[in-house]
Amino acid sequence: QQQGGGWTLPDFGGGNRTSDRRTSSRRSYQRQTVTEAAIKS
């Protein structure tokens, strides 16, 4: 499964970020949200 109900794995492989910025931005937002939630805890 590409997307589960919990954590979303970050994209570490050098994909074409300029051609899919919306996807990259959405993944970055998901990582920030997860990081902030962990630190707040």
PDB file of all heavy atoms in Angstrom:
ATOM      1  N   GLN A   1       0.833  -1.201   0.000  1.00  0.00           N
ATOM      2  CA  GLN A   1       0.000   0.000   0.000  1.00  0.00           C
ATOM      3  C   GLN A   1       0.865   1.247   0.000  1.00  0.00           C
ATOM      4  O   GLN A   1       1.793   1.373   0.781  1.00  0.00           O
ATOM      5  CB  GLN A   1      -0.901   0.006   1.240  1.00  0.00           C
ATOM      6  CG  GLN A   1      -1.936  -1.112   1.205  1.00  0.00           C
ATOM      7  CD  GLN A   1      -2.874  -0.992   2.393  1.00  0.00           C
ATOM      8  OE1 GLN A   1      -2.667  -0.194   3.292  1.00  0.00           O
ATOM      9  NE2 GLN A   1      -3.912  -1.818   2.369  1.00  0.00           N
ATOM     10  N   GLN A   2       0.571   2.182  -0.915  1.00  0.00           N
ATOM     11  CA  GLN A   2       1.314   3.429  -1.016  1.00  0.00           C
ATOM     12  C   GLN A   2       0.975   4.365   0.119  1.00  0.00           C
ATOM     13  O   GLN A   2       1.780   5.158   0.543  1.00  0.00           O
ATOM     14  CB  GLN A   2       0.979   4.113  -2.353  1.00  0.00           C
ATOM     15  CG  GLN A   2       1.442   3.321  -3.562  1.00  0.00           C
ATOM     16  CD  GLN A   2       2.923   3.416  -3.745  1.00  0.00           C
ATOM     17  OE1 GLN A   2       3.547   4.409  -3.384  1.00  0.00           O
ATOM     18  NE2 GLN A   2       3.503   2.364  -4.286  1.00  0.00           N
ATOM     19  N   GLN A   3      -0.217   4.294   0.621  1.00  0.00           N
ATOM     20  CA  GLN A   3      -0.632   5.271   1.639  1.00  0.00           C
ATOM     21  C   GLN A   3      -1.482   4.556   2.667  1.00  0.00           C
ATOM     22  O   GLN A   3      -2.453   3.916   2.341  1.00  0.00           O
ATOM     23  CB  GLN A   3      -1.443   6.389   0.979  1.00  0.00           C
ATOM     24  CG  GLN A   3      -1.828   7.482   1.969  1.00  0.00           C
ATOM     25  CD  GLN A   3      -2.503   8.629   1.267  1.00  0.00           C
ATOM     26  OE1 GLN A   3      -2.464   8.717   0.047  1.00  0.00           O
ATOM     27  NE2 GLN A   3      -3.116   9.503   2.023  1.00  0.00           N
ATOM     28  N   GLY A   4      -1.099   4.580   3.901  1.00  0.00           N
ATOM     29  CA  GLY A   4      -1.841   3.926   4.965  1.00  0.00           C
ATOM     30  C   GLY A   4      -2.549   4.927   5.822  1.00  0.00           C
ATOM     31  O   GLY A   4      -2.590   6.108   5.566  1.00  0.00           O
ATOM     32  N   GLY A   5      -3.097   4.438   6.918  1.00  0.00           N
ATOM     33  CA  GLY A   5      -3.841   5.315   7.817  1.00  0.00           C
ATOM     34  C   GLY A   5      -2.949   5.955   8.859  1.00  0.00           C
ATOM     35  O   GLY A   5      -3.406   6.750   9.660  1.00  0.00           O
ATOM     36  N   GLY A   6      -1.618   5.629   8.883  1.00  0.00           N
ATOM     37  CA  GLY A   6      -0.726   6.203   9.899  1.00  0.00           C
ATOM     38  C   GLY A   6       0.349   7.037   9.266  1.00  0.00           C
ATOM     39  O   GLY A   6       0.105   7.983   8.545  1.00  0.00           O
ATOM     40  N   TRP A   7       1.611   6.677   9.502  1.00  0.00           N
ATOM     41  CA  TRP A   7       2.741   7.424   8.985  1.00  0.00           C
ATOM     42  C   TRP A   7       2.837   7.291   7.474  1.00  0.00           C
ATOM     43  O   TRP A   7       2.540   6.273   6.897  1.00  0.00           O
ATOM     44  CB  TRP A   7       4.050   6.901   9.601  1.00  0.00           C
ATOM     45  CG  TRP A   7       4.165   7.234  11.062  1.00  0.00           C
ATOM     46  CD1 TRP A   7       3.575   6.612  12.082  1.00  0.00           C
ATOM     47  CD2 TRP A   7       4.928   8.275  11.602  1.00  0.00           C
ATOM     48  NE1 TRP A   7       3.910   7.185  13.264  1.00  0.00           N
ATOM     49  CE2 TRP A   7       4.751   8.225  13.014  1.00  0.00           C
ATOM     50  CE3 TRP A   7       5.762   9.295  11.075  1.00  0.00           C
ATOM     51  CZ2 TRP A   7       5.365   9.126  13.870  1.00  0.00           C
ATOM     52  CZ3 TRP A   7       6.374  10.176  11.960  1.00  0.00           C
ATOM     53  CH2 TRP A   7       6.167  10.090  13.331  1.00  0.00           C
ATOM     54  N   THR A   8       3.348   8.394   6.810  1.00  0.00           N
ATOM     55  CA  THR A   8       3.647   8.387   5.387  1.00  0.00           C
ATOM     56  C   THR A   8       5.145   8.517   5.221  1.00  0.00           C
ATOM     57  O   THR A   8       5.744   9.448   5.753  1.00  0.00           O
ATOM     58  CB  THR A   8       2.952   9.568   4.683  1.00  0.00           C
ATOM     59  OG1 THR A   8       1.557   9.461   4.898  1.00  0.00           O
ATOM     60  CG2 THR A   8       3.257   9.526   3.192  1.00  0.00           C
ATOM     61  N   LEU A   9       5.718   7.534   4.466  1.00  0.00           N
ATOM     62  CA  LEU A   9       7.163   7.534   4.341  1.00  0.00           C
ATOM     63  C   LEU A   9       7.615   8.710   3.489  1.00  0.00           C
ATOM     64  O   LEU A   9       7.007   9.015   2.457  1.00  0.00           O
ATOM     65  CB  LEU A   9       7.636   6.227   3.707  1.00  0.00           C
ATOM     66  CG  LEU A   9       7.366   4.963   4.541  1.00  0.00           C
ATOM     67  CD1 LEU A   9       7.767   3.739   3.750  1.00  0.00           C
ATOM     68  CD2 LEU A   9       8.109   5.020   5.867  1.00  0.00           C
ATOM     69  N   PRO A  10       8.709   9.419   3.892  1.00  0.00           N
ATOM     70  CA  PRO A  10       9.223  10.531   3.091  1.00  0.00           C
ATOM     71  C   PRO A  10       9.841  10.027   1.799  1.00  0.00           C
ATOM     72  O   PRO A  10      10.270   8.892   1.704  1.00  0.00           O
ATOM     73  CB  PRO A  10      10.292  11.148   3.999  1.00  0.00           C
ATOM     74  CG  PRO A  10      10.718  10.043   4.896  1.00  0.00           C
ATOM     75  CD  PRO A  10       9.508   9.204   5.122  1.00  0.00           C
ATOM     76  N   ASP A  11       9.874  10.915   0.808  1.00  0.00           N
ATOM     77  CA  ASP A  11      10.431  10.568  -0.500  1.00  0.00           C
ATOM     78  C   ASP A  11      11.910  10.867  -0.509  1.00  0.00           C
ATOM     79  O   ASP A  11      12.332  12.007  -0.622  1.00  0.00           O
ATOM     80  CB  ASP A  11       9.721  11.397  -1.575  1.00  0.00           C
ATOM     81  CG  ASP A  11      10.200  11.010  -2.972  1.00  0.00           C
ATOM     82  OD1 ASP A  11      10.926   9.995  -3.066  1.00  0.00           O
ATOM     83  OD2 ASP A  11       9.823  11.700  -3.916  1.00  0.00           O
ATOM     84  N   PHE A  12      12.717   9.747  -0.355  1.00  0.00           N
ATOM     85  CA  PHE A  12      14.174   9.952  -0.316  1.00  0.00           C
ATOM     86  C   PHE A  12      14.820   9.736  -1.678  1.00  0.00           C
ATOM     87  O   PHE A  12      15.977  10.001  -1.864  1.00  0.00           O
ATOM     88  CB  PHE A  12      14.823   8.973   0.677  1.00  0.00           C
ATOM     89  CG  PHE A  12      14.447   9.274   2.103  1.00  0.00           C
ATOM     90  CD1 PHE A  12      13.603   8.414   2.800  1.00  0.00           C
ATOM     91  CD2 PHE A  12      14.919  10.402   2.734  1.00  0.00           C
ATOM     92  CE1 PHE A  12      13.269   8.679   4.102  1.00  0.00           C
ATOM     93  CE2 PHE A  12      14.573  10.660   4.054  1.00  0.00           C
ATOM     94  CZ  PHE A  12      13.742   9.794   4.740  1.00  0.00           C
ATOM     95  N   GLY A  13      14.111   9.194  -2.606  1.00  0.00           N
ATOM     96  CA  GLY A  13      14.767   8.901  -3.895  1.00  0.00           C
ATOM     97  C   GLY A  13      14.750  10.111  -4.784  1.00  0.00           C
ATOM     98  O   GLY A  13      13.832  10.666  -5.021  1.00  0.00           O
ATOM     99  N   GLY A  14      15.595  10.569  -5.460  1.00  0.00           N
ATOM    100  CA  GLY A  14      15.622  11.819  -6.227  1.00  0.00           C
ATOM    101  C   GLY A  14      14.620  11.862  -7.342  1.00  0.00           C
ATOM    102  O   GLY A  14      14.981  11.795  -8.502  1.00  0.00           O
ATOM    103  N   GLY A  15      13.376  12.014  -6.985  1.00  0.00           N
ATOM    104  CA  GLY A  15      12.349  12.134  -8.003  1.00  0.00           C
ATOM    105  C   GLY A  15      12.351  13.507  -8.641  1.00  0.00           C
ATOM    106  O   GLY A  15      13.050  14.414  -8.225  1.00  0.00           O
ATOM    107  N   ASN A  16      11.581  13.779  -9.653  1.00  0.00           N
ATOM    108  CA  ASN A  16      11.476  15.049 -10.368  1.00  0.00           C
ATOM    109  C   ASN A  16      10.550  15.963  -9.590  1.00  0.00           C
ATOM    110  O   ASN A  16       9.347  15.974  -9.786  1.00  0.00           O
ATOM    111  CB  ASN A  16      10.936  14.808 -11.782  1.00  0.00           C
ATOM    112  CG  ASN A  16      11.049  16.064 -12.636  1.00  0.00           C
ATOM    113  OD1 ASN A  16      11.360  17.131 -12.127  1.00  0.00           O
ATOM    114  ND2 ASN A  16      10.800  15.904 -13.936  1.00  0.00           N
ATOM    115  N   ARG A  17      11.146  16.744  -8.686  1.00  0.00           N
ATOM    116  CA  ARG A  17      10.331  17.562  -7.784  1.00  0.00           C
ATOM    117  C   ARG A  17       9.718  18.749  -8.504  1.00  0.00           C
ATOM    118  O   ARG A  17       8.676  19.225  -8.111  1.00  0.00           O
ATOM    119  CB  ARG A  17      11.201  18.047  -6.625  1.00  0.00           C
ATOM    120  CG  ARG A  17      11.698  16.871  -5.776  1.00  0.00           C
ATOM    121  CD  ARG A  17      12.576  17.315  -4.631  1.00  0.00           C
ATOM    122  NE  ARG A  17      13.040  16.182  -3.857  1.00  0.00           N
ATOM    123  CZ  ARG A  17      13.870  16.297  -2.825  1.00  0.00           C
ATOM    124  NH1 ARG A  17      14.342  17.489  -2.463  1.00  0.00           N
ATOM    125  NH2 ARG A  17      14.232  15.219  -2.178  1.00  0.00           N
ATOM    126  N   THR A  18      10.412  19.308  -9.540  1.00  0.00           N
ATOM    127  CA  THR A  18       9.854  20.464 -10.255  1.00  0.00           C
ATOM    128  C   THR A  18       8.619  20.090 -11.040  1.00  0.00           C
ATOM    129  O   THR A  18       7.733  20.904 -11.243  1.00  0.00           O
ATOM    130  CB  THR A  18      10.909  21.038 -11.223  1.00  0.00           C
ATOM    131  OG1 THR A  18      11.525  19.956 -11.915  1.00  0.00           O
ATOM    132  CG2 THR A  18      11.889  21.878 -10.500  1.00  0.00           C
ATOM    133  N   SER A  19       8.541  18.837 -11.519  1.00  0.00           N
ATOM    134  CA  SER A  19       7.383  18.427 -12.316  1.00  0.00           C
ATOM    135  C   SER A  19       6.196  18.037 -11.468  1.00  0.00           C
ATOM    136  O   SER A  19       5.098  17.913 -11.965  1.00  0.00           O
ATOM    137  CB  SER A  19       7.756  17.255 -13.219  1.00  0.00           C
ATOM    138  OG  SER A  19       8.097  16.130 -12.413  1.00  0.00           O
ATOM    139  N   ASP A  20       6.457  17.831 -10.130  1.00  0.00           N
ATOM    140  CA  ASP A  20       5.345  17.424  -9.264  1.00  0.00           C
ATOM    141  C   ASP A  20       5.445  18.152  -7.933  1.00  0.00           C
ATOM    142  O   ASP A  20       5.593  17.541  -6.887  1.00  0.00           O
ATOM    143  CB  ASP A  20       5.381  15.914  -9.051  1.00  0.00           C
ATOM    144  CG  ASP A  20       4.043  15.399  -8.540  1.00  0.00           C
ATOM    145  OD1 ASP A  20       3.094  16.181  -8.386  1.00  0.00           O
ATOM    146  OD2 ASP A  20       3.964  14.178  -8.290  1.00  0.00           O
ATOM    147  N   ARG A  21       5.398  19.504  -7.999  1.00  0.00           N
ATOM    148  CA  ARG A  21       5.602  20.284  -6.775  1.00  0.00           C
ATOM    149  C   ARG A  21       4.460  20.128  -5.799  1.00  0.00           C
ATOM    150  O   ARG A  21       4.648  20.218  -4.599  1.00  0.00           O
ATOM    151  CB  ARG A  21       5.772  21.762  -7.157  1.00  0.00           C
ATOM    152  CG  ARG A  21       7.049  22.006  -7.938  1.00  0.00           C
ATOM    153  CD  ARG A  21       7.253  23.485  -8.180  1.00  0.00           C
ATOM    154  NE  ARG A  21       8.510  23.704  -8.896  1.00  0.00           N
ATOM    155  CZ  ARG A  21       8.949  24.909  -9.228  1.00  0.00           C
ATOM    156  NH1 ARG A  21       8.257  25.977  -8.919  1.00  0.00           N
ATOM    157  NH2 ARG A  21      10.096  25.020  -9.885  1.00  0.00           N
ATOM    158  N   ARG A  22       3.286  19.975  -6.363  1.00  0.00           N
ATOM    159  CA  ARG A  22       2.137  19.835  -5.459  1.00  0.00           C
ATOM    160  C   ARG A  22       2.286  18.591  -4.602  1.00  0.00           C
ATOM    161  O   ARG A  22       2.029  18.608  -3.404  1.00  0.00           O
ATOM    162  CB  ARG A  22       0.850  19.745  -6.270  1.00  0.00           C
ATOM    163  CG  ARG A  22       0.497  21.059  -6.967  1.00  0.00           C
ATOM    164  CD  ARG A  22      -0.824  20.931  -7.663  1.00  0.00           C
ATOM    165  NE  ARG A  22      -1.175  22.163  -8.340  1.00  0.00           N
ATOM    166  CZ  ARG A  22      -2.295  22.338  -9.044  1.00  0.00           C
ATOM    167  NH1 ARG A  22      -3.144  21.335  -9.166  1.00  0.00           N
ATOM    168  NH2 ARG A  22      -2.542  23.504  -9.618  1.00  0.00           N
ATOM    169  N   THR A  23       2.733  17.524  -5.219  1.00  0.00           N
ATOM    170  CA  THR A  23       2.933  16.288  -4.458  1.00  0.00           C
ATOM    171  C   THR A  23       4.023  16.456  -3.436  1.00  0.00           C
ATOM    172  O   THR A  23       3.895  16.043  -2.287  1.00  0.00           O
ATOM    173  CB  THR A  23       3.300  15.154  -5.408  1.00  0.00           C
ATOM    174  OG1 THR A  23       2.260  15.011  -6.384  1.00  0.00           O
ATOM    175  CG2 THR A  23       3.455  13.842  -4.667  1.00  0.00           C
ATOM    176  N   SER A  24       5.156  17.121  -3.824  1.00  0.00           N
ATOM    177  CA  SER A  24       6.262  17.334  -2.891  1.00  0.00           C
ATOM    178  C   SER A  24       5.858  18.217  -1.753  1.00  0.00           C
ATOM    179  O   SER A  24       6.212  17.976  -0.602  1.00  0.00           O
ATOM    180  CB  SER A  24       7.446  17.958  -3.648  1.00  0.00           C
ATOM    181  OG  SER A  24       8.498  18.215  -2.767  1.00  0.00           O
ATOM    182  N   SER A  25       5.101  19.309  -2.047  1.00  0.00           N
ATOM    183  CA  SER A  25       4.653  20.217  -0.994  1.00  0.00           C
ATOM    184  C   SER A  25       3.740  19.505  -0.023  1.00  0.00           C
ATOM    185  O   SER A  25       3.825  19.690   1.182  1.00  0.00           O
ATOM    186  CB  SER A  25       3.937  21.415  -1.629  1.00  0.00           C
ATOM    187  OG  SER A  25       3.392  22.228  -0.637  1.00  0.00           O
ATOM    188  N   ARG A  26       2.863  18.650  -0.596  1.00  0.00           N
ATOM    189  CA  ARG A  26       1.907  17.936   0.264  1.00  0.00           C
ATOM    190  C   ARG A  26       2.649  16.986   1.186  1.00  0.00           C
ATOM    191  O   ARG A  26       2.346  16.866   2.362  1.00  0.00           O
ATOM    192  CB  ARG A  26       0.922  17.171  -0.627  1.00  0.00           C
ATOM    193  CG  ARG A  26      -0.224  16.566   0.147  1.00  0.00           C
ATOM    194  CD  ARG A  26      -1.402  16.233  -0.778  1.00  0.00           C
ATOM    195  NE  ARG A  26      -1.006  15.405  -1.918  1.00  0.00           N
ATOM    196  CZ  ARG A  26      -1.031  15.850  -3.158  1.00  0.00           C
ATOM    197  NH1 ARG A  26      -1.415  17.087  -3.443  1.00  0.00           N
ATOM    198  NH2 ARG A  26      -0.660  15.043  -4.156  1.00  0.00           N
ATOM    199  N   ARG A  27       3.709  16.289   0.623  1.00  0.00           N
ATOM    200  CA  ARG A  27       4.488  15.365   1.463  1.00  0.00           C
ATOM    201  C   ARG A  27       5.262  16.138   2.536  1.00  0.00           C
ATOM    202  O   ARG A  27       5.391  15.691   3.674  1.00  0.00           O
ATOM    203  CB  ARG A  27       5.461  14.572   0.587  1.00  0.00           C
ATOM    204  CG  ARG A  27       4.754  13.568  -0.315  1.00  0.00           C
ATOM    205  CD  ARG A  27       5.725  12.898  -1.250  1.00  0.00           C
ATOM    206  NE  ARG A  27       5.061  11.937  -2.077  1.00  0.00           N
ATOM    207  CZ  ARG A  27       5.630  11.347  -3.114  1.00  0.00           C
ATOM    208  NH1 ARG A  27       6.893  11.662  -3.430  1.00  0.00           N
ATOM    209  NH2 ARG A  27       4.968  10.485  -3.834  1.00  0.00           N
ATOM    210  N   SER A  28       5.829  17.365   2.173  1.00  0.00           N
ATOM    211  CA  SER A  28       6.564  18.181   3.140  1.00  0.00           C
ATOM    212  C   SER A  28       5.664  18.613   4.265  1.00  0.00           C
ATOM    213  O   SER A  28       6.042  18.588   5.431  1.00  0.00           O
ATOM    214  CB  SER A  28       7.169  19.408   2.443  1.00  0.00           C
ATOM    215  OG  SER A  28       7.813  20.222   3.377  1.00  0.00           O
ATOM    216  N   TYR A  29       4.416  18.967   3.897  1.00  0.00           N
ATOM    217  CA  TYR A  29       3.461  19.399   4.919  1.00  0.00           C
ATOM    218  C   TYR A  29       3.163  18.248   5.865  1.00  0.00           C
ATOM    219  O   TYR A  29       3.090  18.431   7.078  1.00  0.00           O
ATOM    220  CB  TYR A  29       2.191  19.894   4.244  1.00  0.00           C
ATOM    221  CG  TYR A  29       1.076  20.177   5.229  1.00  0.00           C
ATOM    222  CD1 TYR A  29       1.131  21.339   6.014  1.00  0.00           C
ATOM    223  CD2 TYR A  29       0.016  19.294   5.372  1.00  0.00           C
ATOM    224  CE1 TYR A  29       0.117  21.592   6.917  1.00  0.00           C
ATOM    225  CE2 TYR A  29      -0.981  19.554   6.277  1.00  0.00           C
ATOM    226  CZ  TYR A  29      -0.948  20.720   7.054  1.00  0.00           C
ATOM    227  OH  TYR A  29      -1.943  20.975   7.948  1.00  0.00           O
ATOM    228  N   GLN A  30       3.040  17.051   5.288  1.00  0.00           N
ATOM    229  CA  GLN A  30       2.748  15.893   6.134  1.00  0.00           C
ATOM    230  C   GLN A  30       3.898  15.625   7.095  1.00  0.00           C
ATOM    231  O   GLN A  30       3.683  15.326   8.255  1.00  0.00           O
ATOM    232  CB  GLN A  30       2.484  14.672   5.256  1.00  0.00           C
ATOM    233  CG  GLN A  30       1.158  14.758   4.494  1.00  0.00           C
ATOM    234  CD  GLN A  30       1.011  13.615   3.539  1.00  0.00           C
ATOM    235  OE1 GLN A  30       1.977  12.919   3.271  1.00  0.00           O
ATOM    236  NE2 GLN A  30      -0.212  13.463   3.022  1.00  0.00           N
ATOM    237  N   ARG A  31       5.203  15.786   6.587  1.00  0.00           N
ATOM    238  CA  ARG A  31       6.339  15.539   7.474  1.00  0.00           C
ATOM    239  C   ARG A  31       6.388  16.562   8.595  1.00  0.00           C
ATOM    240  O   ARG A  31       6.659  16.235   9.737  1.00  0.00           O
ATOM    241  CB  ARG A  31       7.642  15.605   6.658  1.00  0.00           C
ATOM    242  CG  ARG A  31       7.852  14.384   5.767  1.00  0.00           C
ATOM    243  CD  ARG A  31       9.292  14.327   5.296  1.00  0.00           C
ATOM    244  NE  ARG A  31       9.654  15.472   4.489  1.00  0.00           N
ATOM    245  CZ  ARG A  31       9.495  15.528   3.185  1.00  0.00           C
ATOM    246  NH1 ARG A  31       8.958  14.505   2.544  1.00  0.00           N
ATOM    247  NH2 ARG A  31       9.863  16.582   2.496  1.00  0.00           N
ATOM    248  N   GLN A  32       6.135  17.870   8.307  1.00  0.00           N
ATOM    249  CA  GLN A  32       6.144  18.907   9.346  1.00  0.00           C
ATOM    250  C   GLN A  32       5.064  18.637  10.370  1.00  0.00           C
ATOM    251  O   GLN A  32       5.280  18.773  11.569  1.00  0.00           O
ATOM    252  CB  GLN A  32       5.929  20.285   8.701  1.00  0.00           C
ATOM    253  CG  GLN A  32       7.096  20.732   7.835  1.00  0.00           C
ATOM    254  CD  GLN A  32       6.776  22.004   7.068  1.00  0.00           C
ATOM    255  OE1 GLN A  32       5.718  22.590   7.267  1.00  0.00           O
ATOM    256  NE2 GLN A  32       7.663  22.404   6.192  1.00  0.00           N
ATOM    257  N   THR A  33       3.966  18.255   9.899  1.00  0.00           N
ATOM    258  CA  THR A  33       2.863  18.017  10.826  1.00  0.00           C
ATOM    259  C   THR A  33       3.199  16.890  11.774  1.00  0.00           C
ATOM    260  O   THR A  33       2.951  16.964  12.982  1.00  0.00           O
ATOM    261  CB  THR A  33       1.590  17.690  10.047  1.00  0.00           C
ATOM    262  OG1 THR A  33       1.314  18.754   9.153  1.00  0.00           O
ATOM    263  CG2 THR A  33       0.407  17.484  10.968  1.00  0.00           C
ATOM    264  N   VAL A  34       3.798  15.874  11.253  1.00  0.00           N
ATOM    265  CA  VAL A  34       4.156  14.737  12.098  1.00  0.00           C
ATOM    266  C   VAL A  34       5.247  15.114  13.086  1.00  0.00           C
ATOM    267  O   VAL A  34       5.204  14.763  14.267  1.00  0.00           O
ATOM    268  CB  VAL A  34       4.613  13.571  11.211  1.00  0.00           C
ATOM    269  CG1 VAL A  34       5.190  12.453  12.048  1.00  0.00           C
ATOM    270  CG2 VAL A  34       3.448  13.059  10.365  1.00  0.00           C
ATOM    271  N   THR A  35       6.233  15.896  12.612  1.00  0.00           N
ATOM    272  CA  THR A  35       7.345  16.297  13.503  1.00  0.00           C
ATOM    273  C   THR A  35       6.843  17.161  14.635  1.00  0.00           C
ATOM    274  O   THR A  35       7.212  16.967  15.815  1.00  0.00           O
ATOM    275  CB  THR A  35       8.413  17.056  12.690  1.00  0.00           C
ATOM    276  OG1 THR A  35       8.822  16.227  11.604  1.00  0.00           O
ATOM    277  CG2 THR A  35       9.606  17.394  13.552  1.00  0.00           C
ATOM    278  N   GLU A  36       6.028  18.146  14.272  1.00  0.00           N
ATOM    279  CA  GLU A  36       5.497  19.041  15.312  1.00  0.00           C
ATOM    280  C   GLU A  36       4.656  18.284  16.314  1.00  0.00           C
ATOM    281  O   GLU A  36       4.726  18.534  17.525  1.00  0.00           O
ATOM    282  CB  GLU A  36       4.664  20.145  14.661  1.00  0.00           C
ATOM    283  CG  GLU A  36       5.514  21.132  13.860  1.00  0.00           C
ATOM    284  CD  GLU A  36       4.644  22.182  13.169  1.00  0.00           C
ATOM    285  OE1 GLU A  36       3.402  22.021  13.247  1.00  0.00           O
ATOM    286  OE2 GLU A  36       5.198  23.087  12.565  1.00  0.00           O
ATOM    287  N   ALA A  37       3.875  17.343  15.824  1.00  0.00           N
ATOM    288  CA  ALA A  37       3.024  16.593  16.746  1.00  0.00           C
ATOM    289  C   ALA A  37       3.867  15.785  17.705  1.00  0.00           C
ATOM    290  O   ALA A  37       3.562  15.702  18.902  1.00  0.00           O
ATOM    291  CB  ALA A  37       2.087  15.669  15.933  1.00  0.00           C
ATOM    292  N   ALA A  38       4.961  15.247  17.230  1.00  0.00           N
ATOM    293  CA  ALA A  38       5.820  14.443  18.110  1.00  0.00           C
ATOM    294  C   ALA A  38       6.494  15.290  19.171  1.00  0.00           C
ATOM    295  O   ALA A  38       6.561  14.925  20.340  1.00  0.00           O
ATOM    296  CB  ALA A  38       6.869  13.717  17.268  1.00  0.00           C
ATOM    297  N   ILE A  39       6.954  16.476  18.749  1.00  0.00           N
ATOM    298  CA  ILE A  39       7.668  17.323  19.717  1.00  0.00           C
ATOM    299  C   ILE A  39       6.709  17.882  20.740  1.00  0.00           C
ATOM    300  O   ILE A  39       7.027  18.000  21.925  1.00  0.00           O
ATOM    301  CB  ILE A  39       8.421  18.441  18.973  1.00  0.00           C
ATOM    302  CG1 ILE A  39       9.511  17.811  18.095  1.00  0.00           C
ATOM    303  CG2 ILE A  39       9.019  19.441  19.937  1.00  0.00           C
ATOM    304  CD1 ILE A  39      10.266  18.795  17.233  1.00  0.00           C
ATOM    305  N   LYS A  40       5.483  18.217  20.275  1.00  0.00           N
ATOM    306  CA  LYS A  40       4.501  18.724  21.240  1.00  0.00           C
ATOM    307  C   LYS A  40       4.168  17.680  22.282  1.00  0.00           C
ATOM    308  O   LYS A  40       3.959  18.008  23.450  1.00  0.00           O
ATOM    309  CB  LYS A  40       3.233  19.149  20.512  1.00  0.00           C
ATOM    310  CG  LYS A  40       3.423  20.441  19.716  1.00  0.00           C
ATOM    311  CD  LYS A  40       2.150  20.792  18.953  1.00  0.00           C
ATOM    312  CE  LYS A  40       2.340  22.081  18.152  1.00  0.00           C
ATOM    313  NZ  LYS A  40       1.132  22.419  17.364  1.00  0.00           N
ATOM    314  N   SER A  41       4.165  16.459  21.858  1.00  0.00           N
ATOM    315  CA  SER A  41       3.895  15.397  22.827  1.00  0.00           C
ATOM    316  C   SER A  41       5.016  15.307  23.846  1.00  0.00           C
ATOM    317  O   SER A  41       4.778  15.107  25.033  1.00  0.00           O
ATOM    318  CB  SER A  41       3.767  14.069  22.077  1.00  0.00           C
ATOM    319  OG  SER A  41       3.618  13.006  22.969  1.00  0.00           O
TER     320      SER A  41
END
